[in-house]
Protein backbone atom coordinates (compact mmCIF):
# COMPACT_ATOMS: atom_id res chain seq x y z
CA MET A 1 0.00 0.00 0.00
CA ILE A 2 1.28 3.43 -0.88
CA GLY A 3 1.61 5.78 2.05
CA TRP A 4 1.02 9.47 1.65
CA GLY A 5 4.13 10.33 3.61
CA ARG A 6 4.63 12.88 6.25
CA GLY A 7 3.31 16.31 5.37
CA ALA A 8 1.95 15.24 1.96
CA PRO A 9 -1.59 16.36 1.14
CA SER A 10 -4.26 13.68 1.23
CA PRO A 11 -6.51 13.10 -1.79
CA SER A 12 -9.39 14.81 -0.01
CA THR A 13 -7.27 17.97 0.19
CA TRP A 14 -6.91 18.00 -3.59
CA LEU A 15 -10.66 18.18 -3.96
CA THR A 16 -11.23 20.75 -1.26
CA ARG A 17 -8.14 22.91 -1.70
CA PRO A 18 -8.90 26.45 -0.47
CA ALA A 19 -8.67 29.17 -3.09
CA THR A 20 -5.53 31.27 -3.07
CA GLY A 21 -5.54 35.02 -3.44
CA ASN A 22 -4.34 34.66 -7.02
CA ALA A 23 -7.16 32.23 -7.87
CA ARG A 24 -9.72 34.65 -6.42
CA ARG A 25 -8.18 37.52 -8.42
CA ILE A 26 -8.32 35.54 -11.67
CA GLY A 27 -11.92 34.48 -10.99
CA ALA A 28 -12.94 38.09 -10.37
CA GLN A 29 -11.17 39.24 -13.54
CA LEU A 30 -12.80 36.57 -15.67
CA ARG A 31 -16.26 37.43 -14.35
CA ARG A 32 -16.12 41.22 -14.11
CA ARG A 33 -13.29 42.87 -16.00
CA ALA A 34 -14.00 44.46 -19.39
CA ASP A 35 -10.48 44.10 -20.79
CA PRO A 36 -10.60 43.70 -24.62
CA HIS A 37 -8.69 40.40 -24.52
CA LEU A 38 -11.08 39.01 -21.90
CA VAL A 39 -14.11 40.10 -23.93
CA ARG A 40 -12.75 38.21 -26.94
CA ARG A 41 -11.92 35.18 -24.78
CA ARG A 42 -15.52 35.16 -23.53
CA ARG A 43 -16.67 35.13 -27.15
CA VAL A 44 -14.45 32.11 -27.77
CA VAL A 45 -16.04 30.34 -24.79
CA VAL A 46 -19.53 31.10 -26.15
CA CYS A 47 -18.56 29.79 -29.60
CA ALA A 48 -16.99 26.64 -28.13
CA LEU A 49 -20.04 25.95 -25.97
CA GLY A 50 -22.33 26.56 -28.95
CA ALA A 51 -20.32 24.07 -30.99
CA ILE A 52 -20.50 21.59 -28.10
CA ALA A 53 -24.29 22.00 -28.00
CA ALA A 54 -24.59 21.37 -31.75
CA MET A 55 -22.31 18.34 -31.53
CA GLY A 56 -24.31 17.15 -28.51
CA GLY A 57 -27.37 16.85 -30.72
CA VAL A 58 -25.37 14.86 -33.26
CA ALA A 59 -23.94 12.67 -30.48
CA LEU A 60 -27.46 11.82 -29.33
CA TYR A 61 -28.24 10.57 -32.84
CA GLN A 62 -24.91 8.79 -33.35
CA THR A 63 -25.27 6.86 -30.10
CA GLY A 64 -28.91 5.92 -30.71
CA VAL A 65 -30.45 8.08 -28.00
CA CYS A 66 -32.63 9.78 -30.61
CA ARG A 67 -33.76 8.36 -33.96
CA HIS A 68 -33.70 11.51 -36.11
CA LEU A 69 -31.96 14.88 -36.33
CA PRO A 70 -34.35 17.63 -37.43
CA ASP A 71 -33.10 19.66 -40.39
CA PRO A 72 -34.18 22.79 -42.21
CA PRO A 73 -36.15 21.88 -45.38
CA LEU A 74 -33.28 22.33 -47.84
CA PRO A 75 -32.42 19.82 -50.59
CA PHE A 76 -28.70 19.59 -49.73
CA VAL A 77 -29.15 19.06 -45.97
CA ASP A 78 -29.49 15.54 -44.54
CA SER A 79 -27.96 15.34 -41.06
CA ASP A 80 -29.07 11.74 -40.49
CA ARG A 81 -27.35 10.51 -43.64
CA VAL A 82 -24.13 12.45 -43.07
CA THR A 83 -23.69 11.76 -39.35
CA GLY A 84 -24.78 8.15 -39.67
CA SER A 85 -22.26 7.30 -42.38
CA GLY A 86 -19.30 5.04 -41.72
CA SER A 87 -16.84 7.93 -41.96
CA ALA A 88 -18.47 9.45 -38.86
CA TYR A 89 -17.21 6.49 -36.79
CA TRP A 90 -13.76 5.77 -38.23
CA LEU A 91 -11.55 7.58 -35.68
CA LEU A 92 -11.16 5.30 -32.64
CA GLU A 93 -14.38 3.61 -33.82
CA THR A 94 -16.18 6.32 -31.85
CA PRO A 95 -18.91 8.74 -32.91
CA ASP A 96 -17.06 11.78 -34.22
CA ALA A 97 -19.46 14.15 -32.46
CA LEU A 98 -18.25 12.91 -29.07
CA LEU A 99 -14.66 13.54 -30.10
CA ALA A 100 -15.59 17.00 -31.40
CA MET A 101 -17.23 17.82 -28.07
CA VAL A 102 -14.01 16.98 -26.24
CA SER A 103 -12.03 19.09 -28.69
CA TYR A 104 -14.29 22.12 -28.28
CA ALA A 105 -14.16 21.67 -24.49
CA VAL A 106 -10.36 21.95 -24.69
CA THR A 107 -10.82 25.17 -26.66
CA ALA A 108 -13.10 26.56 -23.94
CA VAL A 109 -10.60 25.60 -21.23
CA LEU A 110 -7.77 27.34 -23.10
CA ALA A 111 -9.91 30.46 -23.47
CA GLY A 112 -10.80 30.47 -19.78
CA ALA A 113 -7.33 29.73 -18.41
CA GLY A 114 -5.46 32.58 -16.77
CA GLY A 115 -6.18 36.15 -15.86
CA ALA A 116 -6.43 39.32 -17.91
CA ASP A 117 -2.66 39.67 -18.17
CA ARG A 118 -1.92 36.11 -19.21
CA TRP A 119 -0.45 37.37 -22.49
CA ARG A 120 2.30 38.92 -20.37
CA ARG A 121 2.64 36.40 -17.54
CA ARG A 122 2.03 33.18 -19.51
CA PRO A 123 2.31 34.09 -23.19
CA TRP A 124 2.23 30.46 -24.26
CA LEU A 125 -1.48 30.29 -23.28
CA PRO A 126 -2.75 32.81 -25.87
CA LEU A 127 -0.46 31.28 -28.49
CA LEU A 128 -1.74 27.80 -27.68
CA LEU A 129 -5.33 29.07 -27.82
CA TRP A 130 -4.74 30.64 -31.22
CA ALA A 131 -3.18 27.40 -32.50
CA LYS A 132 -6.20 25.46 -31.20
CA LEU A 133 -8.63 27.95 -32.77
CA SER A 134 -6.77 27.55 -36.07
CA PHE A 135 -7.01 23.77 -35.77
CA ASP A 136 -10.74 23.99 -35.02
CA ALA A 137 -11.43 26.21 -38.05
CA LEU A 138 -9.34 24.01 -40.35
CA ALA A 139 -10.99 20.84 -39.05
CA ALA A 140 -14.43 22.43 -39.55
CA ALA A 141 -13.63 23.35 -43.15
CA LEU A 142 -12.28 19.87 -43.89
CA LEU A 143 -15.35 18.28 -42.28
CA ILE A 144 -17.76 20.22 -44.49
CA ARG A 145 -15.63 19.47 -47.56
CA GLU A 146 -15.68 15.75 -46.72
CA GLU A 147 -19.44 15.77 -46.15
CA VAL A 148 -20.04 17.27 -49.57
CA ALA A 149 -17.51 15.00 -51.31
CA ARG A 150 -18.66 11.72 -49.72
CA GLU A 151 -22.34 12.19 -49.10
CA ARG A 152 -23.28 15.03 -51.50
CA ARG A 153 -25.11 16.45 -48.50
CA VAL A 154 -24.27 18.48 -45.40
CA CYS A 155 -25.26 18.19 -41.75
CA ALA A 156 -27.00 21.33 -40.48
CA TRP A 157 -25.78 20.65 -36.96
CA CYS A 158 -22.21 20.28 -38.16
CA LEU A 159 -22.54 23.52 -40.12
CA ALA A 160 -23.58 25.30 -36.91
CA ALA A 161 -20.55 23.94 -35.05
CA SER A 162 -18.27 24.79 -37.97
CA ALA A 163 -19.63 28.33 -38.12
CA ALA A 164 -18.90 28.73 -34.41
CA ALA A 165 -15.33 27.54 -34.97
CA VAL A 166 -14.80 30.01 -37.81
CA VAL A 167 -16.31 32.91 -35.84
CA ALA A 168 -14.04 32.12 -32.87
CA LEU A 169 -10.81 32.12 -34.89
CA PRO A 170 -10.27 35.90 -35.23
CA GLN A 171 -11.11 36.42 -31.56
CA GLY A 172 -7.79 34.88 -30.53
CA ILE A 173 -5.56 36.88 -32.85
CA PRO A 174 -5.07 40.14 -30.86
CA GLU A 175 -4.08 38.38 -27.64
CA ALA A 176 -1.79 35.99 -29.53
CA ARG A 177 -0.08 38.99 -31.18
CA ALA A 178 0.40 40.64 -27.79
CA ALA A 179 1.87 37.41 -26.42
CA ALA A 180 4.22 37.06 -29.40
CA ARG A 181 5.41 40.67 -28.93
CA GLU A 182 5.94 39.96 -25.24
CA LEU A 183 8.05 36.90 -26.02
CA ARG A 184 10.12 38.83 -28.58
CA SER A 185 10.78 41.64 -26.11
CA ARG A 186 12.12 39.31 -23.40
CA PRO A 187 15.89 39.01 -23.20
CA ARG A 188 17.31 35.71 -24.40
CA ARG A 189 18.94 33.53 -21.80
CA ASP A 190 22.49 32.33 -22.38
CA ARG A 191 22.59 28.65 -23.07
């Protein structure tokens, strides 16, 4: 049996760790401050959660919880056909909507991580967010292209998630630029 050792925190402490002053400050900034970077990060969170909601509907269909995805009455839209195709289950033999939900959740976490000055204190966070936003937008474009090429139809729910990914992309650019400038202005360490 593994002992926790003298002075080591117990597992219950990990779950009930009291908030530090810095954690309280970051929480207050995220909720109340009107900094332009924070406003754009909030938009990214909204887009990511919107994409998760759209993919949640698809996941319900792909896992058999519901039998049909409602679509607008357009001739090129058939969400059931597109999201029920074999290509929607090829990666890890898992419904791709579930994987997309995890991916968009990571985007939301990256947008919510850190305080208003994270571009200065932790510049890798805005750069990582921008890279993830770029990945999301590229993946969305490739998904729609594949739907049209393979099925000759599109999924309305996937279009909604893809639109959210594309709308979120430019929101990360200003903070990523500020972070890149911050990194360039730092003196290089001798190696």
